[in-house]
Amino acid sequence: TRYAGPFTLTASATVQAVATANGMTPSGPVSASFTVQSSQPGAAIMLDNGQPKTNASGSSWTLVTNEPSAQDGDYHRSDDGSAQASYSWVFTLPQAGTYDIQVRWPAVSGLVKDVPVSLISTGVTTKTVLIDQSNRTNGGQWMSLGAYTTKTTSLTIRLSEPCKTTSTYDRFRGFIATMTCQPVGADAVRVVPQ
């Protein structure tokens, strides 16, 4: 009987090949080389706010504690209204490849929708996804941003406040630009190998 696979092997499996020809007696074991490659993805990598390799940019971030819907009970919140703040999670991946990018924010009131989350590889923003943090049903759980393929082991996930700039005209000072930013929550990010 000829069997070409797939084969299920354990870490201690022994593979023996026997050569036969039509109608002939089987030969003894034949030496063969096999490359065994795991099809199981590796473990997820998670970074929580406040851990090493996370970074708050802007002065408006406040650590909120005792929040049961947040990963490990705390998250960072930005309520600055006049300058854009961002929060980054910097991953060193075990290898280049495809990962499911998942984010988490707390199920609290006062956060907003259309929050930009950028995926940055080797310093270049390659994808930006808008998330709805005002949706408290999705708060307090992992939400997928989808599969992302990186060619390097460097990946930064950056969450930013959504901001708008409006202009008003003052007859003495001319046009005056005003930036208004909305509150966001920075909790945790994980990448899951696919």
N, C-alpha and C. Protein backbone atom coordinates (compact mmCIF):
# COMPACT_ATOMS: atom_id res chain seq x y z
N THR A 1 0.85 -1.18 0.00
CA THR A 1 0.00 0.00 0.00
C THR A 1 0.89 1.23 0.00
N ARG A 2 0.55 2.15 -0.86
CA ARG A 2 1.32 3.39 -0.91
C ARG A 2 0.56 4.46 -0.15
N TYR A 3 1.26 5.18 0.72
CA TYR A 3 0.62 6.26 1.49
C TYR A 3 1.51 7.48 1.43
N ALA A 4 0.96 8.56 0.91
CA ALA A 4 1.76 9.76 0.70
C ALA A 4 1.54 10.82 1.77
N GLY A 5 0.68 10.59 2.70
CA GLY A 5 0.46 11.57 3.76
C GLY A 5 -0.89 12.22 3.63
N PRO A 6 -1.25 13.15 4.48
CA PRO A 6 -0.36 13.75 5.48
C PRO A 6 -0.08 12.79 6.64
N PHE A 7 1.04 13.00 7.27
CA PHE A 7 1.46 12.21 8.40
C PHE A 7 1.30 13.03 9.66
N THR A 8 0.87 12.42 10.73
CA THR A 8 0.81 13.09 12.03
C THR A 8 1.95 12.53 12.87
N LEU A 9 2.87 13.40 13.25
CA LEU A 9 4.04 12.98 14.01
C LEU A 9 4.05 13.65 15.37
N THR A 10 4.51 12.94 16.34
CA THR A 10 4.72 13.54 17.65
C THR A 10 6.20 13.90 17.76
N ALA A 11 6.57 14.55 18.82
CA ALA A 11 7.96 14.96 19.00
C ALA A 11 8.90 13.78 19.03
N SER A 12 8.40 12.59 19.41
CA SER A 12 9.28 11.42 19.52
C SER A 12 9.01 10.40 18.41
N ALA A 13 8.35 10.80 17.32
CA ALA A 13 8.00 9.86 16.25
C ALA A 13 9.25 9.37 15.52
N THR A 14 9.21 8.09 15.11
CA THR A 14 10.25 7.49 14.28
C THR A 14 9.64 7.18 12.93
N VAL A 15 10.29 7.60 11.87
CA VAL A 15 9.79 7.37 10.53
C VAL A 15 10.69 6.34 9.87
N GLN A 16 10.09 5.29 9.29
CA GLN A 16 10.86 4.27 8.60
C GLN A 16 10.26 4.11 7.20
N ALA A 17 11.11 4.15 6.18
CA ALA A 17 10.65 3.98 4.81
C ALA A 17 11.07 2.61 4.32
N VAL A 18 10.15 1.91 3.64
CA VAL A 18 10.44 0.60 3.07
C VAL A 18 10.15 0.67 1.58
N ALA A 19 11.13 0.31 0.75
CA ALA A 19 10.96 0.37 -0.70
C ALA A 19 10.39 -0.94 -1.20
N THR A 20 9.39 -0.89 -2.08
CA THR A 20 8.83 -2.09 -2.71
C THR A 20 8.64 -1.82 -4.19
N ALA A 21 8.58 -2.87 -4.96
CA ALA A 21 8.26 -2.76 -6.38
C ALA A 21 7.07 -3.67 -6.64
N ASN A 22 6.35 -3.45 -7.71
CA ASN A 22 5.16 -4.25 -7.99
C ASN A 22 5.48 -5.73 -7.98
N GLY A 23 4.81 -6.48 -7.12
CA GLY A 23 4.96 -7.93 -7.05
C GLY A 23 6.26 -8.41 -6.44
N MET A 24 7.07 -7.54 -5.92
CA MET A 24 8.35 -7.96 -5.35
C MET A 24 8.28 -7.93 -3.83
N THR A 25 9.17 -8.63 -3.21
CA THR A 25 9.27 -8.66 -1.76
C THR A 25 9.81 -7.32 -1.27
N PRO A 26 9.25 -6.80 -0.15
CA PRO A 26 9.75 -5.51 0.38
C PRO A 26 11.23 -5.60 0.73
N SER A 27 11.92 -4.54 0.51
CA SER A 27 13.32 -4.46 0.91
C SER A 27 13.39 -4.12 2.39
N GLY A 28 14.56 -4.06 2.92
CA GLY A 28 14.74 -3.61 4.29
C GLY A 28 14.52 -2.12 4.39
N PRO A 29 14.58 -1.56 5.59
CA PRO A 29 14.42 -0.11 5.75
C PRO A 29 15.43 0.66 4.91
N VAL A 30 14.96 1.74 4.33
CA VAL A 30 15.80 2.58 3.48
C VAL A 30 16.01 3.90 4.21
N SER A 31 17.22 4.40 4.15
CA SER A 31 17.52 5.68 4.78
C SER A 31 16.82 6.80 4.01
N ALA A 32 16.21 7.70 4.71
CA ALA A 32 15.53 8.83 4.07
C ALA A 32 15.63 10.04 4.98
N SER A 33 15.58 11.22 4.38
CA SER A 33 15.59 12.47 5.14
C SER A 33 14.21 13.10 5.05
N PHE A 34 13.75 13.59 6.17
CA PHE A 34 12.45 14.24 6.22
C PHE A 34 12.60 15.60 6.89
N THR A 35 11.86 16.57 6.37
CA THR A 35 11.77 17.87 7.03
C THR A 35 10.39 17.96 7.63
N VAL A 36 10.33 18.10 8.93
CA VAL A 36 9.05 18.20 9.62
C VAL A 36 8.83 19.66 9.98
N GLN A 37 7.72 20.20 9.53
CA GLN A 37 7.43 21.60 9.78
C GLN A 37 6.10 21.68 10.51
N SER A 38 6.08 22.39 11.61
CA SER A 38 4.86 22.51 12.40
C SER A 38 3.85 23.38 11.69
N SER A 39 2.59 22.93 11.68
CA SER A 39 1.52 23.76 11.11
C SER A 39 0.78 24.50 12.21
N GLN A 40 1.19 24.30 13.44
CA GLN A 40 0.55 24.98 14.57
C GLN A 40 1.15 26.37 14.74
N PRO A 41 0.32 27.40 14.82
CA PRO A 41 0.86 28.73 15.06
C PRO A 41 1.46 28.85 16.46
N GLY A 42 2.36 29.79 16.63
CA GLY A 42 2.97 30.02 17.93
C GLY A 42 1.99 30.70 18.88
N ALA A 43 2.47 31.00 20.05
CA ALA A 43 1.64 31.62 21.08
C ALA A 43 1.41 33.10 20.77
N ALA A 44 0.29 33.61 21.23
CA ALA A 44 -0.02 35.04 21.09
C ALA A 44 0.95 35.85 21.94
N ILE A 45 1.24 37.06 21.49
CA ILE A 45 2.10 37.99 22.23
C ILE A 45 1.22 39.18 22.63
N MET A 46 1.17 39.49 23.92
CA MET A 46 0.31 40.57 24.40
C MET A 46 1.11 41.62 25.13
N LEU A 47 0.78 42.88 24.88
CA LEU A 47 1.34 44.00 25.63
C LEU A 47 0.19 44.78 26.25
N ASP A 48 0.26 44.99 27.55
CA ASP A 48 -0.75 45.76 28.27
C ASP A 48 -0.21 47.18 28.47
N ASN A 49 -1.12 48.12 28.60
CA ASN A 49 -0.69 49.51 28.82
C ASN A 49 0.20 49.59 30.07
N GLY A 50 1.19 50.44 30.02
CA GLY A 50 2.09 50.64 31.15
C GLY A 50 3.24 49.66 31.21
N GLN A 51 3.23 48.61 30.39
CA GLN A 51 4.34 47.66 30.38
C GLN A 51 5.51 48.23 29.58
N PRO A 52 6.71 47.64 29.76
CA PRO A 52 7.82 48.03 28.87
C PRO A 52 7.40 47.79 27.42
N LYS A 53 7.93 48.58 26.53
CA LYS A 53 7.62 48.54 25.10
C LYS A 53 6.26 49.15 24.79
N THR A 54 5.70 49.93 25.75
CA THR A 54 4.53 50.74 25.45
C THR A 54 4.92 52.19 25.71
N ASN A 55 4.27 53.11 25.00
CA ASN A 55 4.72 54.50 25.06
C ASN A 55 3.54 55.44 24.86
N ALA A 56 3.37 56.38 25.79
CA ALA A 56 2.36 57.43 25.67
C ALA A 56 3.01 58.69 25.13
N SER A 57 2.42 59.27 24.09
CA SER A 57 2.92 60.52 23.51
C SER A 57 1.87 61.60 23.75
N GLY A 58 2.30 62.74 24.27
CA GLY A 58 1.36 63.80 24.64
C GLY A 58 1.21 63.82 26.15
N SER A 59 0.79 64.94 26.68
CA SER A 59 0.77 65.11 28.14
C SER A 59 -0.58 64.83 28.76
N SER A 60 -1.54 64.37 27.97
CA SER A 60 -2.90 64.28 28.50
C SER A 60 -3.29 62.90 29.01
N TRP A 61 -2.36 61.96 29.09
CA TRP A 61 -2.71 60.61 29.49
C TRP A 61 -2.82 60.49 31.02
N THR A 62 -3.89 59.81 31.47
CA THR A 62 -4.12 59.54 32.88
C THR A 62 -4.30 58.04 33.06
N LEU A 63 -3.66 57.47 34.08
CA LEU A 63 -3.85 56.06 34.38
C LEU A 63 -5.14 55.91 35.18
N VAL A 64 -6.07 55.11 34.66
CA VAL A 64 -7.34 54.83 35.34
C VAL A 64 -7.24 53.42 35.92
N THR A 65 -7.43 53.31 37.23
CA THR A 65 -7.31 52.01 37.89
C THR A 65 -8.68 51.50 38.34
N ASN A 66 -8.71 50.27 38.82
CA ASN A 66 -9.93 49.64 39.33
C ASN A 66 -11.06 49.61 38.30
N GLU A 67 -10.70 49.35 37.04
CA GLU A 67 -11.71 49.22 35.99
C GLU A 67 -11.79 47.75 35.59
N PRO A 68 -12.85 47.05 36.02
CA PRO A 68 -12.93 45.61 35.78
C PRO A 68 -12.96 45.20 34.31
N SER A 69 -13.40 46.08 33.41
CA SER A 69 -13.47 45.70 32.00
C SER A 69 -12.13 45.88 31.27
N ALA A 70 -11.14 46.45 31.95
CA ALA A 70 -9.83 46.65 31.34
C ALA A 70 -8.92 45.45 31.62
N GLN A 71 -7.97 45.20 30.72
CA GLN A 71 -7.00 44.13 30.93
C GLN A 71 -6.22 44.44 32.21
N ASP A 72 -6.16 43.51 33.12
CA ASP A 72 -5.47 43.65 34.41
C ASP A 72 -5.99 44.84 35.24
N GLY A 73 -7.22 45.31 34.94
CA GLY A 73 -7.88 46.29 35.80
C GLY A 73 -7.50 47.74 35.64
N ASP A 74 -6.65 48.07 34.64
CA ASP A 74 -6.34 49.50 34.43
C ASP A 74 -6.15 49.80 32.95
N TYR A 75 -6.24 51.08 32.61
CA TYR A 75 -6.00 51.54 31.24
C TYR A 75 -5.57 53.00 31.29
N HIS A 76 -5.04 53.49 30.19
CA HIS A 76 -4.69 54.90 30.07
C HIS A 76 -5.79 55.61 29.28
N ARG A 77 -6.15 56.81 29.73
CA ARG A 77 -7.19 57.60 29.07
C ARG A 77 -6.63 58.97 28.73
N SER A 78 -6.94 59.41 27.54
CA SER A 78 -6.51 60.74 27.11
C SER A 78 -7.74 61.62 26.91
N ASP A 79 -7.76 62.74 27.61
CA ASP A 79 -8.89 63.66 27.51
C ASP A 79 -8.46 65.04 27.04
N ASP A 80 -7.27 65.16 26.47
CA ASP A 80 -6.78 66.46 26.04
C ASP A 80 -7.59 66.93 24.84
N GLY A 81 -8.01 68.15 24.86
CA GLY A 81 -8.83 68.65 23.77
C GLY A 81 -8.11 69.48 22.74
N SER A 82 -6.83 69.79 22.94
CA SER A 82 -6.21 70.77 22.04
C SER A 82 -4.97 70.28 21.29
N ALA A 83 -4.48 69.07 21.57
CA ALA A 83 -3.32 68.55 20.85
C ALA A 83 -3.45 67.04 20.76
N GLN A 84 -3.11 66.48 19.61
CA GLN A 84 -3.30 65.04 19.42
C GLN A 84 -2.32 64.23 20.25
N ALA A 85 -2.85 63.27 20.99
CA ALA A 85 -2.04 62.35 21.79
C ALA A 85 -2.13 60.97 21.14
N SER A 86 -1.11 60.14 21.37
CA SER A 86 -1.13 58.78 20.84
C SER A 86 -0.51 57.83 21.86
N TYR A 87 -0.83 56.55 21.70
CA TYR A 87 -0.28 55.52 22.57
C TYR A 87 0.20 54.39 21.68
N SER A 88 1.42 53.89 21.93
CA SER A 88 2.02 52.87 21.07
C SER A 88 2.39 51.61 21.85
N TRP A 89 2.25 50.48 21.18
CA TRP A 89 2.69 49.17 21.67
C TRP A 89 3.72 48.68 20.65
N VAL A 90 4.95 48.42 21.09
CA VAL A 90 6.05 48.07 20.18
C VAL A 90 6.38 46.59 20.34
N PHE A 91 6.15 45.81 19.28
CA PHE A 91 6.35 44.36 19.32
C PHE A 91 7.64 43.97 18.58
N THR A 92 8.35 43.02 19.16
CA THR A 92 9.41 42.32 18.44
C THR A 92 8.89 40.91 18.22
N LEU A 93 8.55 40.61 16.99
CA LEU A 93 7.92 39.34 16.65
C LEU A 93 8.96 38.23 16.52
N PRO A 94 8.58 36.98 16.75
CA PRO A 94 9.54 35.88 16.62
C PRO A 94 10.00 35.68 15.18
N GLN A 95 9.15 36.05 14.23
CA GLN A 95 9.50 35.93 12.82
C GLN A 95 8.53 36.75 11.99
N ALA A 96 8.94 37.08 10.77
CA ALA A 96 8.03 37.74 9.84
C ALA A 96 6.92 36.76 9.49
N GLY A 97 5.75 37.27 9.16
CA GLY A 97 4.65 36.39 8.80
C GLY A 97 3.32 37.08 8.96
N THR A 98 2.26 36.29 9.02
CA THR A 98 0.91 36.81 9.13
C THR A 98 0.42 36.67 10.57
N TYR A 99 -0.13 37.77 11.08
CA TYR A 99 -0.61 37.82 12.46
C TYR A 99 -2.01 38.44 12.49
N ASP A 100 -2.85 37.93 13.39
CA ASP A 100 -4.14 38.56 13.65
C ASP A 100 -3.87 39.63 14.70
N ILE A 101 -4.18 40.89 14.38
CA ILE A 101 -3.95 42.00 15.30
C ILE A 101 -5.24 42.24 16.09
N GLN A 102 -5.15 42.17 17.42
CA GLN A 102 -6.33 42.32 18.27
C GLN A 102 -6.10 43.44 19.28
N VAL A 103 -7.12 44.26 19.47
CA VAL A 103 -7.03 45.38 20.43
C VAL A 103 -8.15 45.22 21.46
N ARG A 104 -7.92 45.89 22.58
CA ARG A 104 -8.87 45.84 23.68
C ARG A 104 -8.98 47.25 24.28
N TRP A 105 -10.18 47.66 24.59
CA TRP A 105 -10.42 48.92 25.30
C TRP A 105 -11.49 48.67 26.35
N PRO A 106 -11.56 49.50 27.37
CA PRO A 106 -12.54 49.25 28.44
C PRO A 106 -13.96 49.60 28.01
N ALA A 107 -14.93 48.96 28.64
CA ALA A 107 -16.35 49.23 28.38
C ALA A 107 -16.79 50.37 29.29
N VAL A 108 -16.34 51.57 28.98
CA VAL A 108 -16.66 52.75 29.81
C VAL A 108 -17.30 53.81 28.93
N SER A 109 -18.02 54.73 29.55
CA SER A 109 -18.66 55.80 28.79
C SER A 109 -17.65 56.92 28.52
N GLY A 110 -17.96 57.73 27.52
CA GLY A 110 -17.16 58.91 27.23
C GLY A 110 -16.10 58.72 26.17
N LEU A 111 -15.86 57.48 25.72
CA LEU A 111 -14.90 57.26 24.63
C LEU A 111 -15.63 57.46 23.30
N VAL A 112 -14.91 57.58 22.21
CA VAL A 112 -15.52 57.99 20.94
C VAL A 112 -15.32 56.94 19.84
N LYS A 113 -16.00 57.16 18.72
CA LYS A 113 -15.83 56.29 17.57
C LYS A 113 -14.81 56.91 16.60
N ASP A 114 -14.51 56.18 15.55
CA ASP A 114 -13.53 56.61 14.53
C ASP A 114 -12.15 56.89 15.13
N VAL A 115 -11.72 56.02 16.03
CA VAL A 115 -10.39 56.14 16.65
C VAL A 115 -9.38 55.45 15.72
N PRO A 116 -8.39 56.19 15.19
CA PRO A 116 -7.43 55.56 14.28
C PRO A 116 -6.40 54.70 15.01
N VAL A 117 -6.24 53.46 14.52
CA VAL A 117 -5.21 52.55 15.00
C VAL A 117 -4.32 52.24 13.80
N SER A 118 -3.04 52.62 13.89
CA SER A 118 -2.12 52.45 12.77
C SER A 118 -1.18 51.28 13.03
N LEU A 119 -0.90 50.52 11.98
CA LEU A 119 0.06 49.42 12.02
C LEU A 119 1.31 49.91 11.31
N ILE A 120 2.42 49.91 12.04
CA ILE A 120 3.67 50.51 11.55
C ILE A 120 4.75 49.44 11.54
N SER A 121 5.35 49.23 10.38
CA SER A 121 6.43 48.25 10.26
C SER A 121 7.66 48.96 9.72
N THR A 122 8.77 48.83 10.40
CA THR A 122 10.04 49.50 10.07
C THR A 122 9.84 50.99 9.80
N GLY A 123 9.06 51.62 10.65
CA GLY A 123 8.89 53.07 10.59
C GLY A 123 7.89 53.57 9.58
N VAL A 124 7.24 52.69 8.81
CA VAL A 124 6.30 53.11 7.77
C VAL A 124 4.90 52.63 8.15
N THR A 125 3.92 53.56 8.15
CA THR A 125 2.54 53.19 8.42
C THR A 125 2.00 52.48 7.19
N THR A 126 1.61 51.23 7.36
CA THR A 126 1.16 50.44 6.23
C THR A 126 -0.34 50.19 6.23
N LYS A 127 -0.99 50.42 7.36
CA LYS A 127 -2.43 50.19 7.43
C LYS A 127 -2.97 50.98 8.62
N THR A 128 -4.14 51.61 8.43
CA THR A 128 -4.83 52.28 9.54
C THR A 128 -6.27 51.81 9.56
N VAL A 129 -6.74 51.43 10.73
CA VAL A 129 -8.10 50.93 10.92
C VAL A 129 -8.79 51.84 11.93
N LEU A 130 -10.06 52.17 11.68
CA LEU A 130 -10.83 52.97 12.63
C LEU A 130 -11.64 52.05 13.52
N ILE A 131 -11.56 52.26 14.84
CA ILE A 131 -12.34 51.45 15.79
C ILE A 131 -13.35 52.34 16.51
N ASP A 132 -14.40 51.73 17.00
CA ASP A 132 -15.48 52.46 17.68
C ASP A 132 -15.41 52.16 19.18
N GLN A 133 -14.71 53.01 19.91
CA GLN A 133 -14.60 52.82 21.36
C GLN A 133 -15.86 53.27 22.09
N SER A 134 -16.77 53.95 21.41
CA SER A 134 -18.03 54.34 22.06
C SER A 134 -18.96 53.14 22.19
N ASN A 135 -18.68 52.07 21.46
CA ASN A 135 -19.49 50.86 21.52
C ASN A 135 -19.09 50.05 22.75
N ARG A 136 -19.84 50.22 23.82
CA ARG A 136 -19.50 49.56 25.10
C ARG A 136 -19.70 48.05 25.04
N THR A 137 -20.51 47.58 24.08
CA THR A 137 -20.70 46.13 23.92
C THR A 137 -19.38 45.46 23.53
N ASN A 138 -18.59 46.13 22.69
CA ASN A 138 -17.30 45.57 22.26
C ASN A 138 -16.18 45.88 23.25
N GLY A 139 -16.42 46.77 24.17
CA GLY A 139 -15.41 47.08 25.18
C GLY A 139 -15.20 45.92 26.12
N GLY A 140 -14.00 45.81 26.68
CA GLY A 140 -13.72 44.76 27.64
C GLY A 140 -13.47 43.40 27.03
N GLN A 141 -13.28 43.35 25.71
CA GLN A 141 -12.98 42.08 25.06
C GLN A 141 -12.03 42.32 23.88
N TRP A 142 -11.44 41.24 23.39
CA TRP A 142 -10.50 41.37 22.28
C TRP A 142 -11.27 41.53 20.98
N MET A 143 -10.89 42.56 20.22
CA MET A 143 -11.51 42.82 18.91
C MET A 143 -10.43 42.76 17.85
N SER A 144 -10.69 41.98 16.80
CA SER A 144 -9.70 41.79 15.74
C SER A 144 -9.72 42.95 14.75
N LEU A 145 -8.53 43.40 14.38
CA LEU A 145 -8.39 44.38 13.29
C LEU A 145 -8.15 43.67 11.97
N GLY A 146 -8.07 42.34 12.01
CA GLY A 146 -7.84 41.55 10.81
C GLY A 146 -6.42 41.03 10.74
N ALA A 147 -6.19 40.21 9.72
CA ALA A 147 -4.86 39.62 9.52
C ALA A 147 -3.94 40.64 8.88
N TYR A 148 -2.70 40.63 9.31
CA TYR A 148 -1.70 41.57 8.81
C TYR A 148 -0.41 40.79 8.56
N THR A 149 0.18 40.97 7.38
CA THR A 149 1.43 40.28 7.04
C THR A 149 2.57 41.28 7.11
N THR A 150 3.59 40.94 7.88
CA THR A 150 4.77 41.79 8.00
C THR A 150 5.98 41.05 7.44
N LYS A 151 6.87 41.79 6.80
CA LYS A 151 8.09 41.20 6.22
C LYS A 151 9.27 41.30 7.17
N THR A 152 9.05 41.92 8.34
CA THR A 152 10.11 42.07 9.34
C THR A 152 9.59 41.60 10.68
N THR A 153 10.44 41.62 11.68
CA THR A 153 10.02 41.24 13.03
C THR A 153 9.65 42.45 13.88
N SER A 154 9.63 43.62 13.28
CA SER A 154 9.30 44.86 13.99
C SER A 154 7.88 45.28 13.65
N LEU A 155 7.04 45.48 14.66
CA LEU A 155 5.67 45.93 14.45
C LEU A 155 5.24 46.84 15.59
N THR A 156 4.76 48.03 15.24
CA THR A 156 4.25 48.98 16.22
C THR A 156 2.78 49.21 15.93
N ILE A 157 1.96 49.16 16.97
CA ILE A 157 0.54 49.47 16.88
C ILE A 157 0.36 50.80 17.60
N ARG A 158 -0.18 51.80 16.89
CA ARG A 158 -0.34 53.13 17.48
C ARG A 158 -1.80 53.58 17.43
N LEU A 159 -2.36 53.89 18.61
CA LEU A 159 -3.71 54.42 18.74
C LEU A 159 -3.60 55.92 18.92
N SER A 160 -4.41 56.69 18.18
CA SER A 160 -4.35 58.16 18.26
C SER A 160 -5.72 58.74 18.54
N GLU A 161 -5.71 59.90 19.17
CA GLU A 161 -6.97 60.62 19.36
C GLU A 161 -7.48 61.10 18.00
N PRO A 162 -8.78 60.95 17.73
CA PRO A 162 -9.31 61.59 16.52
C PRO A 162 -9.44 63.08 16.76
N CYS A 163 -8.91 63.87 15.84
CA CYS A 163 -8.91 65.34 16.00
C CYS A 163 -9.44 66.01 14.75
N LYS A 164 -9.98 67.19 14.92
CA LYS A 164 -10.41 68.04 13.81
C LYS A 164 -9.84 69.43 14.01
N THR A 165 -9.51 70.04 12.91
CA THR A 165 -9.06 71.43 12.97
C THR A 165 -10.13 72.30 12.31
N THR A 166 -10.55 73.32 13.03
CA THR A 166 -11.51 74.27 12.47
C THR A 166 -10.87 75.64 12.43
N SER A 167 -11.32 76.45 11.50
CA SER A 167 -10.78 77.81 11.36
C SER A 167 -11.90 78.82 11.57
N THR A 168 -11.57 79.85 12.29
CA THR A 168 -12.50 80.96 12.45
C THR A 168 -11.77 82.23 12.00
N TYR A 169 -12.54 83.20 11.60
CA TYR A 169 -11.93 84.45 11.13
C TYR A 169 -12.18 85.55 12.16
N ASP A 170 -11.12 86.21 12.53
CA ASP A 170 -11.18 87.37 13.41
C ASP A 170 -10.69 88.56 12.59
N ARG A 171 -11.46 89.60 12.52
CA ARG A 171 -11.09 90.72 11.64
C ARG A 171 -9.80 91.41 12.06
N PHE A 172 -9.37 91.22 13.31
CA PHE A 172 -8.10 91.83 13.75
C PHE A 172 -6.92 90.86 13.63
N ARG A 173 -7.17 89.57 13.85
CA ARG A 173 -6.09 88.59 13.84
C ARG A 173 -6.09 87.69 12.61
N GLY A 174 -7.08 87.75 11.75
CA GLY A 174 -7.16 86.89 10.58
C GLY A 174 -7.74 85.53 10.94
N PHE A 175 -7.36 84.52 10.16
CA PHE A 175 -7.86 83.17 10.41
C PHE A 175 -7.15 82.55 11.61
N ILE A 176 -7.91 81.92 12.48
CA ILE A 176 -7.37 81.26 13.66
C ILE A 176 -7.77 79.78 13.60
N ALA A 177 -6.77 78.92 13.59
CA ALA A 177 -7.02 77.47 13.54
C ALA A 177 -7.10 76.93 14.96
N THR A 178 -8.09 76.10 15.21
CA THR A 178 -8.28 75.48 16.52
C THR A 178 -8.39 73.97 16.34
N MET A 179 -7.57 73.21 17.09
CA MET A 179 -7.66 71.76 17.03
C MET A 179 -8.48 71.26 18.21
N THR A 180 -9.41 70.34 17.91
CA THR A 180 -10.23 69.72 18.94
C THR A 180 -10.04 68.21 18.84
N CYS A 181 -9.61 67.59 19.94
CA CYS A 181 -9.39 66.15 19.98
C CYS A 181 -10.37 65.51 20.95
N GLN A 182 -10.67 64.23 20.70
CA GLN A 182 -11.67 63.54 21.51
C GLN A 182 -11.03 62.45 22.36
N PRO A 183 -11.67 62.08 23.48
CA PRO A 183 -11.07 61.12 24.43
C PRO A 183 -11.03 59.69 23.91
N VAL A 184 -9.92 59.02 24.22
CA VAL A 184 -9.74 57.62 23.84
C VAL A 184 -9.17 56.85 25.03
N GLY A 185 -9.29 55.53 24.97
CA GLY A 185 -8.72 54.66 25.99
C GLY A 185 -7.69 53.73 25.38
N ALA A 186 -6.54 53.62 26.01
CA ALA A 186 -5.46 52.72 25.57
C ALA A 186 -5.34 51.61 26.60
N ASP A 187 -5.65 50.38 26.18
CA ASP A 187 -5.62 49.27 27.13
C ASP A 187 -4.57 48.25 26.73
N ALA A 188 -4.89 47.34 25.83
CA ALA A 188 -3.94 46.26 25.50
C ALA A 188 -4.05 45.89 24.03
N VAL A 189 -2.96 45.31 23.51
CA VAL A 189 -2.91 44.81 22.14
C VAL A 189 -2.26 43.44 22.17
N ARG A 190 -2.73 42.54 21.33
CA ARG A 190 -2.04 41.27 21.19
C ARG A 190 -1.97 40.89 19.71
N VAL A 191 -0.92 40.17 19.36
CA VAL A 191 -0.75 39.67 18.00
C VAL A 191 -0.74 38.15 18.08
N VAL A 192 -1.53 37.53 17.20
CA VAL A 192 -1.71 36.08 17.22
C VAL A 192 -1.19 35.51 15.91
N PRO A 193 -0.14 34.69 15.94
CA PRO A 193 0.38 34.10 14.69
C PRO A 193 -0.69 33.29 13.98
N GLN A 194 -0.71 33.39 12.67
CA GLN A 194 -1.71 32.65 11.86
C GLN A 194 -1.05 31.48 11.16
